[in-house]
Amino acid sequence: MASADPYPHASPGAGQAPGDARARARYRRILRFAARALVQTWWFEMVLPRFGLDRLAERGRSRRMQRLARRFHALAVELGGLMIKVGQFMSSRLDVLPPEITAELAGLQDEVPPVPFAQIRASAEAELGMPLELAYAAFDPEPVAAASLGQAHRARLAPDQAADAGFADVIVKVQRPGIETIVDVDLAALRRIARWLRRIRIVSERADMPALVEEFAVTSLEEVDYRHEAANAERFREKFADNARVAVPEIAWERSTSRVLTLADVTAIKVTDVDALRAAGIDPSEVASVFASVMFDQFFGFGFFHADPHPGNVFVTPVPEAERSVDQPAWLLTFIDFGMMGDISPSTRDALRTVLVAAAARDGRGLVDGISRVGALLPSADVRELERAMTQLFARFGGMGFAELKQVDPREFRDFAGEFGELARALPFQLPENFLLVVRAASLTSGVCTSIDPAFNLWDAVEPYAARLLREERGDLMREVTRRAMGFADVTMRLPQRLDGLITHLEDGNLDFDSRRLERRMSRLERLGRRAVSGIVFAGLLVAGVLLRPDDETFGTVLMGLSALPLLHVLLGGVLGRRD
């Protein structure tokens, strides 16, 4: 039997180019796309504004973003693999990416082409060690769903297997042939791109891109191993064992391996199918509220959460009246696909609780404190201005739901942005390590809730949950108050001694500094600053010449020639500077 692996010999290391010809071609395509996008963004968003051409850069920004998103959309659908995952993540970042990009990438989950059944059959039979006819009583060749790493088919267990498992109808997930090697190639390309981004100061100050890619790599490699997904499902079931609102599909362990996963068919109403919910007598607004509460439990309670709660991974399952117990609700949420899960450390979970309680109380200062404890606030951030901005933001928009926000006069948002524009441009936030999945899950949770109920108000869901957390942690709060009081007393008792030491140094004349050395350093910094400006001008003129030369050869050549002048200043400035 011929191998179904499209890249049988490719095995790239951390950021190294793969060896197989097709794998190398895939690797180069990803890098070429990223390089072109980075150069274009750098030119229009950084170089042109430095020359006072902000309006020129702004004029075509929307069209540029749409073209860029469309090109990536086409690339992701064609290549599949982790490129689909990257696109899905970007589509969920409504908070930081423009709508031109998020809207274009929103449908990626539903556009993954299926693998021919012959290849799926070959992979499943090789993994199970038997023909499908022996492994299952029936197996539907038409896929239920096709995802970036595998695809799912309906099947039925044989009577003896069904008796042991306790269910007969199953969903069988089979990995795409060669997906492990494709993942290796994609990770190698992403690691290379992360190293490029690490050299860009505005990026490196706010996120450790290599660390984020490694976090993405860990979760991606775990998704490739279905045994890991099965173990996650069992752990998730244990966490929600006492919650009658949550269900998890059972695993048919004897028909599951690292590349084939067989689990009970729990297909029901898609969580965002509002018409089907109403037809079943279920209130969509109640579903949105319960879904938000269940996700809050995962974030702030268990610290173990479903990191991919998109609408295809959450069902609303009606419970027949005859099967309901006294405490059994009329419907429950059924989660599937536990390949991408996140863990939150106890310290981060406590900081997130602070953020939640502060948000519920519309406490700008408390919110900033919580954000800082999470590790998302740069040390250079102007905390006082940030607190004032958050307080005013809460005062005006704090109680509004998504639908209400859409009705607000855009001029109000512009006025707010104008007042705190410098703070917004400084962006004193960074993405902490091990936080990528939290951001993804939170973004998807918000998107699902507003899709179910456009009038959904997150504050209504947050407030009772925050009040419960406060009641549960009141004892911890008292201990924290006591600890801070003791710390303040300790500082107060040592303050006279430290002041006495400072006065003694002043009287002895031991506090001095060398002003001449400071002047020399300031002079060097000034020269470096002038050379840096010349370097930017050189790069801007050179890139402008290269971009314009195909359309206007004369003007492009003149710009490239003029770039030599600031280049000479950079070079000669360094020589003359060393003579001082």
Protein backbone atom coordinates (compact mmCIF):
# COMPACT_ATOMS: atom_id res chain seq x y z
CA MET A 1 0.00 0.00 0.00
CA ALA A 2 1.41 3.40 -0.97
CA SER A 3 2.14 5.86 1.79
CA ALA A 4 -0.51 8.55 2.28
CA ASP A 5 2.07 10.89 3.82
CA PRO A 6 2.59 13.84 1.43
CA TYR A 7 5.92 14.76 3.09
CA PRO A 8 7.40 11.41 4.14
CA HIS A 9 10.94 12.61 4.82
CA ALA A 10 10.48 16.17 6.08
CA SER A 11 11.40 16.69 9.71
CA PRO A 12 12.47 20.30 10.31
CA GLY A 13 13.97 21.38 13.60
CA ALA A 14 13.28 24.54 15.53
CA GLY A 15 13.01 27.11 12.76
CA GLN A 16 15.15 25.14 10.28
CA ALA A 17 14.07 24.67 6.68
CA PRO A 18 12.68 21.18 6.00
CA GLY A 19 14.50 18.74 3.73
CA ASP A 20 11.79 17.34 1.42
CA ALA A 21 11.21 19.34 -1.80
CA ARG A 22 7.46 19.80 -1.29
CA ALA A 23 7.98 20.63 2.36
CA ARG A 24 10.61 23.24 1.42
CA ALA A 25 8.21 24.77 -1.10
CA ARG A 26 5.50 25.01 1.58
CA TYR A 27 7.99 26.52 4.04
CA ARG A 28 9.15 29.15 1.51
CA ARG A 29 5.58 30.11 0.57
CA ILE A 30 4.71 30.86 4.19
CA LEU A 31 7.90 32.91 4.68
CA ARG A 32 7.40 34.86 1.44
CA PHE A 33 3.87 35.80 2.45
CA ALA A 34 5.00 36.91 5.92
CA ALA A 35 7.97 38.91 4.57
CA ARG A 36 5.79 40.75 2.06
CA ALA A 37 3.16 41.54 4.69
CA LEU A 38 5.77 42.80 7.17
CA VAL A 39 7.49 45.05 4.61
CA GLN A 40 4.15 46.49 3.46
CA THR A 41 3.02 47.16 7.04
CA TRP A 42 6.37 48.71 7.97
CA TRP A 43 6.31 51.02 4.95
CA PHE A 44 2.75 52.30 5.30
CA GLU A 45 2.39 52.31 9.08
CA MET A 46 5.86 53.43 10.19
CA VAL A 47 7.87 55.02 7.36
CA LEU A 48 5.26 57.20 5.64
CA PRO A 49 4.00 58.76 8.94
CA ARG A 50 7.60 59.73 9.79
CA PHE A 51 7.68 61.82 6.60
CA GLY A 52 4.37 63.50 7.43
CA LEU A 53 2.40 61.37 4.97
CA ASP A 54 -0.13 60.07 7.50
CA ARG A 55 -3.09 60.90 5.27
CA LEU A 56 -1.61 58.96 2.37
CA ALA A 57 -1.12 55.91 4.59
CA GLU A 58 -4.61 56.27 6.08
CA ARG A 59 -6.39 56.72 2.75
CA GLY A 60 -5.93 53.17 1.46
CA ARG A 61 -5.60 51.32 4.79
CA SER A 62 -8.99 49.58 4.63
CA ARG A 63 -8.40 48.25 1.10
CA ARG A 64 -4.87 47.14 1.99
CA MET A 65 -6.12 45.24 5.03
CA GLN A 66 -8.83 43.54 2.98
CA ARG A 67 -6.36 42.51 0.26
CA LEU A 68 -3.91 41.19 2.85
CA ALA A 69 -6.64 39.19 4.63
CA ARG A 70 -7.94 37.78 1.33
CA ARG A 71 -4.45 36.67 0.30
CA PHE A 72 -3.90 34.96 3.65
CA HIS A 73 -7.38 33.40 3.49
CA ALA A 74 -6.56 31.85 0.10
CA LEU A 75 -3.14 30.69 1.32
CA ALA A 76 -4.60 29.09 4.47
CA VAL A 77 -7.33 27.22 2.60
CA GLU A 78 -4.84 25.96 0.01
CA LEU A 79 -2.15 24.88 2.51
CA GLY A 80 -4.37 23.80 5.42
CA GLY A 81 -2.46 22.58 8.48
CA LEU A 82 -1.59 25.18 11.10
CA MET A 83 -2.26 28.04 8.68
CA ILE A 84 -5.98 27.40 9.29
CA LYS A 85 -5.35 27.58 13.05
CA VAL A 86 -3.44 30.87 12.68
CA GLY A 87 -6.27 32.34 10.61
CA GLN A 88 -8.90 31.19 13.09
CA PHE A 89 -6.98 32.80 15.93
CA MET A 90 -6.69 36.09 14.04
CA SER A 91 -10.41 36.05 13.21
CA SER A 92 -11.19 35.91 16.95
CA ARG A 93 -9.02 38.94 17.84
CA LEU A 94 -11.77 41.52 17.42
CA ASP A 95 -10.07 43.54 20.16
CA VAL A 96 -6.80 44.24 18.34
CA LEU A 97 -7.27 43.50 14.63
CA PRO A 98 -9.30 45.66 12.25
CA PRO A 99 -12.69 44.32 11.11
CA GLU A 100 -11.43 44.09 7.52
CA ILE A 101 -9.17 41.23 8.64
CA THR A 102 -11.38 39.48 11.20
CA ALA A 103 -14.44 39.46 8.90
CA GLU A 104 -12.47 38.01 5.99
CA LEU A 105 -11.03 35.19 8.12
CA ALA A 106 -14.22 34.40 10.06
CA GLY A 107 -15.29 31.53 7.79
CA LEU A 108 -12.04 29.59 7.74
CA GLN A 109 -13.35 26.85 10.06
CA ASP A 110 -16.03 25.90 7.52
CA GLU A 111 -13.84 26.00 4.40
CA VAL A 112 -11.35 23.21 5.08
CA PRO A 113 -11.61 20.76 2.14
CA PRO A 114 -12.19 17.10 3.16
CA VAL A 115 -9.67 14.32 2.53
CA PRO A 116 -10.82 11.62 0.05
CA PHE A 117 -12.37 8.69 1.89
CA ALA A 118 -9.88 6.20 0.43
CA GLN A 119 -7.05 7.96 2.28
CA ILE A 120 -9.08 8.17 5.49
CA ARG A 121 -9.90 4.45 5.26
CA ALA A 122 -6.23 3.57 4.72
CA SER A 123 -5.12 5.67 7.71
CA ALA A 124 -7.82 4.35 10.05
CA GLU A 125 -7.26 0.69 9.10
CA ALA A 126 -3.48 1.01 9.49
CA GLU A 127 -3.94 2.58 12.91
CA LEU A 128 -6.61 0.15 14.18
CA GLY A 129 -4.90 -2.87 12.67
CA MET A 130 -8.09 -4.20 11.02
CA PRO A 131 -10.55 -3.42 8.18
CA LEU A 132 -13.22 -0.85 8.97
CA GLU A 133 -15.87 -3.53 8.44
CA LEU A 134 -14.47 -5.44 11.41
CA ALA A 135 -13.84 -2.38 13.59
CA TYR A 136 -17.36 -0.93 13.17
CA ALA A 137 -20.77 -2.29 12.27
CA ALA A 138 -21.24 0.69 9.92
CA PHE A 139 -19.05 3.59 8.79
CA ASP A 140 -20.35 6.58 6.78
CA PRO A 141 -17.85 7.61 4.06
CA GLU A 142 -19.27 11.17 4.01
CA PRO A 143 -17.52 13.32 6.62
CA VAL A 144 -19.56 15.12 9.28
CA ALA A 145 -16.88 17.78 9.56
CA ALA A 146 -13.46 18.49 8.08
CA ALA A 147 -10.96 20.35 10.27
CA SER A 148 -7.40 21.48 9.79
CA LEU A 149 -5.82 18.45 11.49
CA GLY A 150 -8.40 15.71 10.87
CA GLN A 151 -11.97 14.93 9.92
CA ALA A 152 -14.95 13.22 11.53
CA HIS A 153 -17.28 10.47 10.27
CA ARG A 154 -20.39 8.91 11.74
CA ALA A 155 -20.23 5.19 12.54
CA ARG A 156 -21.88 2.48 14.65
CA LEU A 157 -20.15 0.13 17.05
CA ALA A 158 -20.59 -3.62 16.76
CA PRO A 159 -23.12 -5.04 19.28
CA ASP A 160 -20.46 -6.46 21.63
CA GLN A 161 -18.50 -3.18 21.59
CA ALA A 162 -21.70 -1.17 22.10
CA ALA A 163 -22.62 -3.31 25.11
CA ASP A 164 -19.24 -2.66 26.72
CA ALA A 165 -19.22 1.07 25.93
CA GLY A 166 -22.86 1.75 26.79
CA PHE A 167 -23.60 3.45 23.46
CA ALA A 168 -23.71 2.42 19.79
CA ASP A 169 -23.78 5.59 17.64
CA VAL A 170 -20.33 7.17 17.48
CA ILE A 171 -18.26 9.88 15.81
CA VAL A 172 -14.86 8.69 14.56
CA LYS A 173 -12.13 11.33 14.22
CA VAL A 174 -9.30 10.35 11.86
CA GLN A 175 -6.15 12.41 11.38
CA ARG A 176 -5.34 13.82 7.97
CA PRO A 177 -2.60 11.74 6.30
CA GLY A 178 0.82 13.28 6.83
CA ILE A 179 -0.46 15.95 9.23
CA GLU A 180 2.38 15.46 11.71
CA THR A 181 4.97 16.44 9.10
CA ILE A 182 2.85 19.35 7.86
CA VAL A 183 2.64 20.63 11.45
CA ASP A 184 6.45 20.37 11.76
CA VAL A 185 6.93 22.39 8.56
CA ASP A 186 4.45 25.07 9.62
CA LEU A 187 5.99 25.39 13.08
CA ALA A 188 9.44 25.78 11.54
CA ALA A 189 8.13 28.66 9.40
CA LEU A 190 6.31 30.28 12.34
CA ARG A 191 9.45 30.08 14.48
CA ARG A 192 11.42 31.85 11.76
CA ILE A 193 8.77 34.59 11.50
CA ALA A 194 8.79 34.96 15.29
CA ARG A 195 12.54 35.62 15.19
CA TRP A 196 11.93 38.34 12.61
CA LEU A 197 9.27 39.94 14.81
CA ARG A 198 11.55 39.79 17.84
CA ARG A 199 13.83 42.30 16.07
CA ILE A 200 10.97 44.80 15.69
CA ARG A 201 11.00 46.91 18.82
CA ILE A 202 7.30 47.83 18.88
CA VAL A 203 6.47 44.10 18.79
CA SER A 204 9.21 42.80 21.11
CA GLU A 205 8.27 45.33 23.82
CA ARG A 206 4.74 43.96 23.98
CA ALA A 207 5.07 40.24 23.33
CA ASP A 208 7.75 37.57 23.35
CA MET A 209 6.86 36.21 19.92
CA PRO A 210 9.18 33.15 20.07
CA ALA A 211 7.62 32.20 23.43
CA LEU A 212 4.12 32.64 22.02
CA VAL A 213 4.96 30.44 19.02
CA GLU A 214 6.32 27.78 21.38
CA GLU A 215 3.08 27.94 23.35
CA PHE A 216 1.18 27.54 20.08
CA ALA A 217 3.50 24.65 19.16
CA VAL A 218 2.82 22.79 22.40
CA THR A 219 -0.95 22.97 21.95
CA SER A 220 -0.71 22.06 18.25
CA LEU A 221 1.45 19.00 18.91
CA GLU A 222 -0.93 17.93 21.68
CA GLU A 223 -3.86 18.23 19.25
CA VAL A 224 -2.14 15.82 16.89
CA ASP A 225 -2.21 13.10 19.60
CA TYR A 226 -5.82 11.99 20.08
CA ARG A 227 -4.93 10.14 23.27
CA HIS A 228 -4.17 13.52 24.80
CA GLU A 229 -7.58 14.80 23.68
CA ALA A 230 -9.31 11.77 25.23
CA ALA A 231 -7.51 12.37 28.55
CA ASN A 232 -8.54 16.05 28.44
CA ALA A 233 -12.17 15.05 27.92
CA GLU A 234 -12.06 12.82 31.01
CA ARG A 235 -10.46 15.57 33.08
CA PHE A 236 -13.05 18.09 31.88
CA ARG A 237 -15.85 15.67 32.80
CA GLU A 238 -14.44 15.34 36.33
CA LYS A 239 -14.29 19.12 36.77
CA PHE A 240 -17.97 19.50 35.85
CA ALA A 241 -19.19 16.32 37.56
CA ASP A 242 -21.39 18.36 39.91
CA ASN A 243 -22.79 20.68 37.22
CA ALA A 244 -25.98 19.34 35.67
CA ARG A 245 -25.71 21.94 32.88
CA VAL A 246 -22.57 20.45 31.27
CA ALA A 247 -22.07 17.17 29.36
CA VAL A 248 -19.05 15.53 27.73
CA PRO A 249 -19.12 12.65 25.21
CA GLU A 250 -18.00 9.19 26.39
CA ILE A 251 -14.88 7.66 24.81
CA ALA A 252 -14.83 4.21 23.14
CA TRP A 253 -11.30 3.40 24.33
CA GLU A 254 -10.95 0.09 22.47
CA ARG A 255 -11.43 1.92 19.16
CA SER A 256 -9.18 4.87 19.97
CA THR A 257 -5.45 5.42 19.32
CA SER A 258 -3.14 8.39 18.86
CA ARG A 259 -4.53 8.95 15.32
CA VAL A 260 -8.09 7.62 15.60
CA LEU A 261 -10.58 8.74 18.26
CA THR A 262 -14.01 7.11 18.67
CA LEU A 263 -16.53 8.82 20.94
CA ALA A 264 -20.26 8.85 21.53
CA ASP A 265 -22.28 10.79 18.98
CA VAL A 266 -23.68 13.73 20.96
CA THR A 267 -24.66 15.89 17.99
CA ALA A 268 -27.47 18.25 18.97
CA ILE A 269 -28.45 21.90 18.39
CA LYS A 270 -25.52 24.10 17.44
CA VAL A 271 -25.14 26.68 20.20
CA THR A 272 -25.58 29.63 17.80
CA ASP A 273 -28.56 28.15 15.90
CA VAL A 274 -31.12 30.57 17.33
CA ASP A 275 -34.02 29.32 15.19
CA ALA A 276 -33.50 25.71 16.29
CA LEU A 277 -33.23 26.79 19.92
CA ARG A 278 -36.56 28.64 19.77
CA ALA A 279 -38.18 25.70 17.95
CA ALA A 280 -37.11 23.45 20.85
CA GLY A 281 -38.63 25.89 23.36
CA ILE A 282 -35.23 27.13 24.59
CA ASP A 283 -34.60 30.82 25.33
CA PRO A 284 -31.43 31.95 23.44
CA SER A 285 -30.70 34.67 26.00
CA GLU A 286 -30.66 32.05 28.76
CA VAL A 287 -28.25 29.91 26.70
CA ALA A 288 -25.90 32.90 26.30
CA SER A 289 -25.96 33.59 30.04
CA VAL A 290 -25.34 29.95 31.01
CA PHE A 291 -22.58 29.56 28.42
CA ALA A 292 -20.78 32.66 29.78
CA SER A 293 -21.14 31.36 33.36
CA VAL A 294 -19.74 27.93 32.42
CA MET A 295 -16.74 29.56 30.72
CA PHE A 296 -16.21 31.81 33.78
CA ASP A 297 -16.11 28.68 35.93
CA GLN A 298 -13.32 27.32 33.74
CA PHE A 299 -11.28 30.56 33.71
CA PHE A 300 -11.65 31.67 37.32
CA GLY A 301 -12.62 28.50 39.15
CA PHE A 302 -10.95 25.38 37.77
CA GLY A 303 -8.07 27.00 35.90
CA PHE A 304 -8.55 24.30 33.22
CA PHE A 305 -10.53 25.52 30.24
CA HIS A 306 -11.70 24.67 26.73
CA ALA A 307 -9.55 26.91 24.55
CA ASP A 308 -11.53 26.42 21.31
CA PRO A 309 -15.21 27.01 22.23
CA HIS A 310 -16.28 28.06 18.74
CA PRO A 311 -19.91 27.32 17.73
CA GLY A 312 -19.01 23.99 16.11
CA ASN A 313 -17.64 22.65 19.40
CA VAL A 314 -20.61 23.42 21.66
CA PHE A 315 -24.10 21.90 21.40
CA VAL A 316 -27.31 22.64 23.27
CA THR A 317 -28.84 19.26 24.13
CA PRO A 318 -32.54 19.18 25.10
CA VAL A 319 -33.34 16.69 27.90
CA PRO A 320 -36.58 14.74 27.35
CA GLU A 321 -39.05 15.35 30.16
CA ALA A 322 -39.20 11.62 30.96
CA GLU A 323 -35.44 11.56 31.62
CA ARG A 324 -35.29 14.62 33.87
CA SER A 325 -34.64 14.25 37.58
CA VAL A 326 -35.64 16.82 40.17
CA ASP A 327 -32.50 18.92 39.68
CA GLN A 328 -32.09 18.20 35.96
CA PRO A 329 -32.62 21.28 33.74
CA ALA A 330 -34.54 21.12 30.46
CA TRP A 331 -31.33 21.39 28.41
CA LEU A 332 -27.57 21.25 28.88
CA LEU A 333 -24.39 22.36 27.13
CA THR A 334 -22.39 19.57 25.50
CA PHE A 335 -18.74 20.36 24.75
CA ILE A 336 -16.72 18.41 22.16
CA ASP A 337 -13.17 18.56 20.72
CA PHE A 338 -10.82 18.76 23.70
CA GLY A 339 -7.61 18.87 21.69
CA MET A 340 -6.91 22.51 22.59
CA MET A 341 -7.14 23.04 26.33
CA GLY A 342 -5.53 25.62 28.61
CA ASP A 343 -4.18 25.60 32.16
CA ILE A 344 -4.04 28.73 34.32
CA SER A 345 -1.66 28.92 37.26
CA PRO A 346 -3.16 29.73 40.70
CA SER A 347 -1.45 33.15 40.78
CA THR A 348 -2.76 34.09 37.33
CA ARG A 349 -6.22 32.82 38.26
CA ASP A 350 -6.24 35.05 41.36
CA ALA A 351 -5.20 38.03 39.22
CA LEU A 352 -7.97 37.27 36.72
CA ARG A 353 -10.45 37.16 39.57
CA THR A 354 -9.30 40.64 40.59
CA VAL A 355 -9.92 41.82 37.01
CA LEU A 356 -13.39 40.25 37.00
CA VAL A 357 -14.45 41.74 40.35
CA ALA A 358 -13.11 45.18 39.38
CA ALA A 359 -14.92 45.06 36.03
CA ALA A 360 -18.18 44.11 37.76
CA ALA A 361 -17.72 46.98 40.24
CA ARG A 362 -16.75 49.44 37.45
CA ASP A 363 -13.55 50.05 39.44
CA GLY A 364 -10.95 51.51 37.07
CA ARG A 365 -8.12 51.45 39.63
CA GLY A 366 -8.86 47.85 40.62
CA LEU A 367 -8.98 46.82 36.98
CA VAL A 368 -5.56 48.33 36.28
CA ASP A 369 -4.19 46.59 39.40
CA GLY A 370 -5.57 43.25 38.19
CA ILE A 371 -4.18 43.74 34.68
CA SER A 372 -0.78 44.52 36.21
CA ARG A 373 -0.90 41.37 38.38
CA VAL A 374 -1.73 39.27 35.32
CA GLY A 375 1.51 40.53 33.78
CA ALA A 376 -0.17 42.35 30.90
CA LEU A 377 1.01 45.84 31.90
CA LEU A 378 4.42 47.13 30.93
CA PRO A 379 6.54 48.63 33.75
CA SER A 380 6.73 51.89 31.77
CA ALA A 381 2.94 52.35 31.70
CA ASP A 382 1.52 55.57 33.09
CA VAL A 383 -0.74 53.91 35.66
CA ARG A 384 -2.46 57.10 36.80
CA GLU A 385 -3.50 58.06 33.26
CA LEU A 386 -4.58 54.48 32.60
CA GLU A 387 -6.70 54.45 35.77
CA ARG A 388 -8.33 57.73 34.76
CA ALA A 389 -9.05 56.39 31.26
CA MET A 390 -10.60 53.19 32.63
CA THR A 391 -12.70 55.13 35.15
CA GLN A 392 -14.11 57.40 32.45
CA LEU A 393 -14.64 54.44 30.13
CA PHE A 394 -16.68 52.67 32.81
CA ALA A 395 -18.61 55.86 33.60
CA ARG A 396 -19.79 56.24 30.01
CA PHE A 397 -19.89 52.75 28.48
CA GLY A 398 -19.54 50.40 31.46
CA GLY A 399 -23.06 49.03 31.69
CA MET A 400 -23.77 48.64 27.97
CA GLY A 401 -24.21 45.45 26.04
CA PHE A 402 -22.90 44.87 22.53
CA ALA A 403 -26.16 45.93 20.87
CA GLU A 404 -26.27 49.15 22.91
CA LEU A 405 -22.68 50.01 22.06
CA LYS A 406 -23.54 49.83 18.35
CA GLN A 407 -26.15 52.55 18.91
CA VAL A 408 -23.68 54.99 20.48
CA ASP A 409 -22.83 58.04 18.39
CA PRO A 410 -19.37 57.40 16.83
CA ARG A 411 -18.38 60.94 17.80
CA GLU A 412 -18.42 59.87 21.45
CA PHE A 413 -15.84 57.19 20.73
CA ARG A 414 -13.76 59.70 18.77
CA ASP A 415 -13.91 62.20 21.66
CA PHE A 416 -12.77 59.54 24.09
CA ALA A 417 -9.96 58.46 21.74
CA GLY A 418 -8.95 62.10 21.31
CA GLU A 419 -8.64 62.67 25.06
CA PHE A 420 -6.64 59.51 25.65
CA GLY A 421 -5.10 59.25 22.20
CA GLU A 422 -1.49 59.39 23.38
CA LEU A 423 -2.17 56.70 25.94
CA ALA A 424 -3.84 54.53 23.30
CA ARG A 425 -0.93 54.98 20.89
CA ALA A 426 1.57 54.09 23.61
CA LEU A 427 -0.30 50.80 24.18
CA PRO A 428 1.20 50.00 27.60
CA PHE A 429 0.08 46.39 27.34
CA GLN A 430 1.95 43.22 26.53
CA LEU A 431 0.78 39.66 25.96
CA PRO A 432 2.14 37.55 28.83
CA GLU A 433 3.65 34.15 28.17
CA ASN A 434 1.19 31.22 28.49
CA PHE A 435 -1.70 33.61 27.87
CA LEU A 436 -2.41 32.99 24.20
CA LEU A 437 -5.13 30.41 24.85
CA VAL A 438 -6.83 32.59 27.48
CA VAL A 439 -7.16 35.42 24.97
CA ARG A 440 -8.46 33.05 22.29
CA ALA A 441 -11.05 31.41 24.55
CA ALA A 442 -12.24 34.75 25.97
CA SER A 443 -12.62 36.23 22.48
CA LEU A 444 -14.59 33.22 21.26
CA THR A 445 -16.79 33.26 24.38
CA SER A 446 -17.73 36.89 23.79
CA GLY A 447 -18.38 36.23 20.09
CA VAL A 448 -20.60 33.20 20.76
CA CYS A 449 -22.67 35.03 23.38
CA THR A 450 -23.36 38.03 21.14
CA SER A 451 -24.15 35.70 18.20
CA ILE A 452 -26.77 33.90 20.27
CA ASP A 453 -28.22 37.10 21.71
CA PRO A 454 -27.28 40.46 20.10
CA ALA A 455 -28.66 42.21 23.21
CA PHE A 456 -26.45 40.10 25.49
CA ASN A 457 -24.93 42.24 28.23
CA LEU A 458 -21.72 40.79 29.60
CA TRP A 459 -22.07 42.89 32.75
CA ASP A 460 -25.28 41.09 33.68
CA ALA A 461 -23.41 37.78 33.52
CA VAL A 462 -20.32 39.11 35.31
CA GLU A 463 -21.96 40.76 38.33
CA PRO A 464 -23.57 37.70 40.02
CA TYR A 465 -20.47 35.64 39.31
CA ALA A 466 -18.19 38.32 40.79
CA ALA A 467 -20.45 38.60 43.87
CA ARG A 468 -20.16 34.83 44.39
CA LEU A 469 -16.37 35.01 44.12
CA LEU A 470 -16.30 37.78 46.70
CA ARG A 471 -18.36 35.72 49.13
CA GLU A 472 -16.17 32.64 48.60
CA GLU A 473 -12.93 34.55 49.02
CA ARG A 474 -13.86 36.87 51.87
CA GLY A 475 -11.54 34.96 54.20
CA ASP A 476 -8.65 35.35 51.74
CA LEU A 477 -9.43 39.05 51.49
CA MET A 478 -9.14 39.50 55.27
CA ARG A 479 -5.82 37.66 55.28
CA GLU A 480 -4.58 39.93 52.46
CA VAL A 481 -5.64 43.06 54.39
CA THR A 482 -3.80 41.79 57.49
CA ARG A 483 -0.67 41.01 55.46
CA ARG A 484 -0.62 44.48 53.90
CA ALA A 485 -1.18 46.14 57.27
CA MET A 486 1.79 44.24 58.75
CA GLY A 487 3.94 45.21 55.77
CA PHE A 488 3.00 48.87 56.14
CA ALA A 489 3.81 48.75 59.86
CA ASP A 490 7.21 47.23 59.11
CA VAL A 491 8.07 49.95 56.59
CA THR A 492 6.86 52.65 59.02
CA MET A 493 9.05 51.32 61.85
CA ARG A 494 12.17 51.23 59.63
CA LEU A 495 11.58 54.64 58.02
CA PRO A 496 13.26 56.83 60.76
CA GLN A 497 16.44 54.71 60.60
CA ARG A 498 16.61 54.97 56.78
CA LEU A 499 16.04 58.74 56.87
CA ASP A 500 18.80 59.11 59.49
CA GLY A 501 21.22 57.22 57.21
CA LEU A 502 20.33 59.45 54.25
CA ILE A 503 20.89 62.64 56.28
CA THR A 504 24.27 61.31 57.51
CA HIS A 505 25.40 60.72 53.89
CA LEU A 506 24.33 64.24 52.95
CA GLU A 507 26.22 65.80 55.90
CA ASP A 508 29.36 63.80 55.09
CA GLY A 509 29.21 64.90 51.46
CA ASN A 510 29.08 61.31 50.17
CA LEU A 511 26.19 61.92 47.78
CA ASP A 512 27.71 63.38 44.59
CA PHE A 513 27.98 62.66 40.89
CA ASP A 514 30.40 63.39 38.05
CA SER A 515 28.71 66.04 35.86
CA ARG A 516 31.45 65.89 33.18
CA ARG A 517 30.89 62.19 32.59
CA LEU A 518 27.15 62.84 32.36
CA GLU A 519 27.72 65.61 29.78
CA ARG A 520 29.91 63.30 27.64
CA ARG A 521 27.25 60.58 27.69
CA MET A 522 24.52 63.07 26.76
CA SER A 523 26.61 64.27 23.83
CA ARG A 524 27.05 60.70 22.59
CA LEU A 525 23.33 60.06 22.90
CA GLU A 526 22.59 63.17 20.83
CA ARG A 527 24.93 61.98 18.06
CA LEU A 528 23.38 58.52 18.12
CA GLY A 529 19.93 60.09 17.85
CA ARG A 530 20.90 62.12 14.79
CA ARG A 531 22.43 59.04 13.13
CA ALA A 532 19.29 57.03 13.88
CA VAL A 533 17.14 59.65 12.14
CA SER A 534 19.49 59.56 9.13
CA GLY A 535 19.21 55.78 9.07
CA ILE A 536 15.42 55.99 8.95
CA VAL A 537 15.56 58.57 6.14
CA PHE A 538 18.01 56.36 4.20
CA ALA A 539 15.76 53.30 4.53
CA GLY A 540 12.65 55.29 3.61
CA LEU A 541 14.17 56.79 0.45
CA LEU A 542 15.64 53.45 -0.62
CA VAL A 543 12.40 51.48 -0.16
CA ALA A 544 10.38 54.26 -1.83
CA GLY A 545 12.72 54.15 -4.82
CA VAL A 546 12.49 50.37 -5.08
CA LEU A 547 8.67 50.45 -4.90
CA LEU A 548 8.24 53.32 -7.38
CA ARG A 549 10.90 52.32 -9.92
CA PRO A 550 8.72 49.77 -11.81
CA ASP A 551 6.10 52.50 -12.49
CA ASP A 552 8.37 55.55 -12.75
CA GLU A 553 11.95 54.52 -13.44
CA THR A 554 13.38 58.07 -13.40
CA PHE A 555 11.80 59.18 -10.11
CA GLY A 556 12.53 55.83 -8.47
CA THR A 557 16.20 56.02 -9.48
CA VAL A 558 16.48 59.61 -8.16
CA LEU A 559 15.10 58.54 -4.76
CA MET A 560 17.51 55.61 -4.58
CA GLY A 561 20.40 57.96 -5.39
CA LEU A 562 19.34 60.50 -2.77
CA SER A 563 19.33 57.74 -0.14
CA ALA A 564 23.16 57.78 -0.32
CA LEU A 565 23.33 61.16 1.47
CA PRO A 566 21.80 60.09 4.81
CA LEU A 567 23.74 56.83 4.51
CA LEU A 568 27.00 58.81 4.39
CA HIS A 569 25.95 60.70 7.53
CA VAL A 570 25.35 57.42 9.33
CA LEU A 571 28.78 56.05 8.34
CA LEU A 572 30.82 59.24 8.77
CA GLY A 573 28.99 60.14 11.97
CA GLY A 574 30.26 56.91 13.52
CA VAL A 575 33.87 57.64 12.48
CA LEU A 576 33.83 61.25 13.67
CA GLY A 577 32.08 60.28 16.88
CA ARG A 578 34.89 57.91 17.88
CA ARG A 579 37.44 60.80 17.70
CA ASP A 580 35.71 62.68 20.56
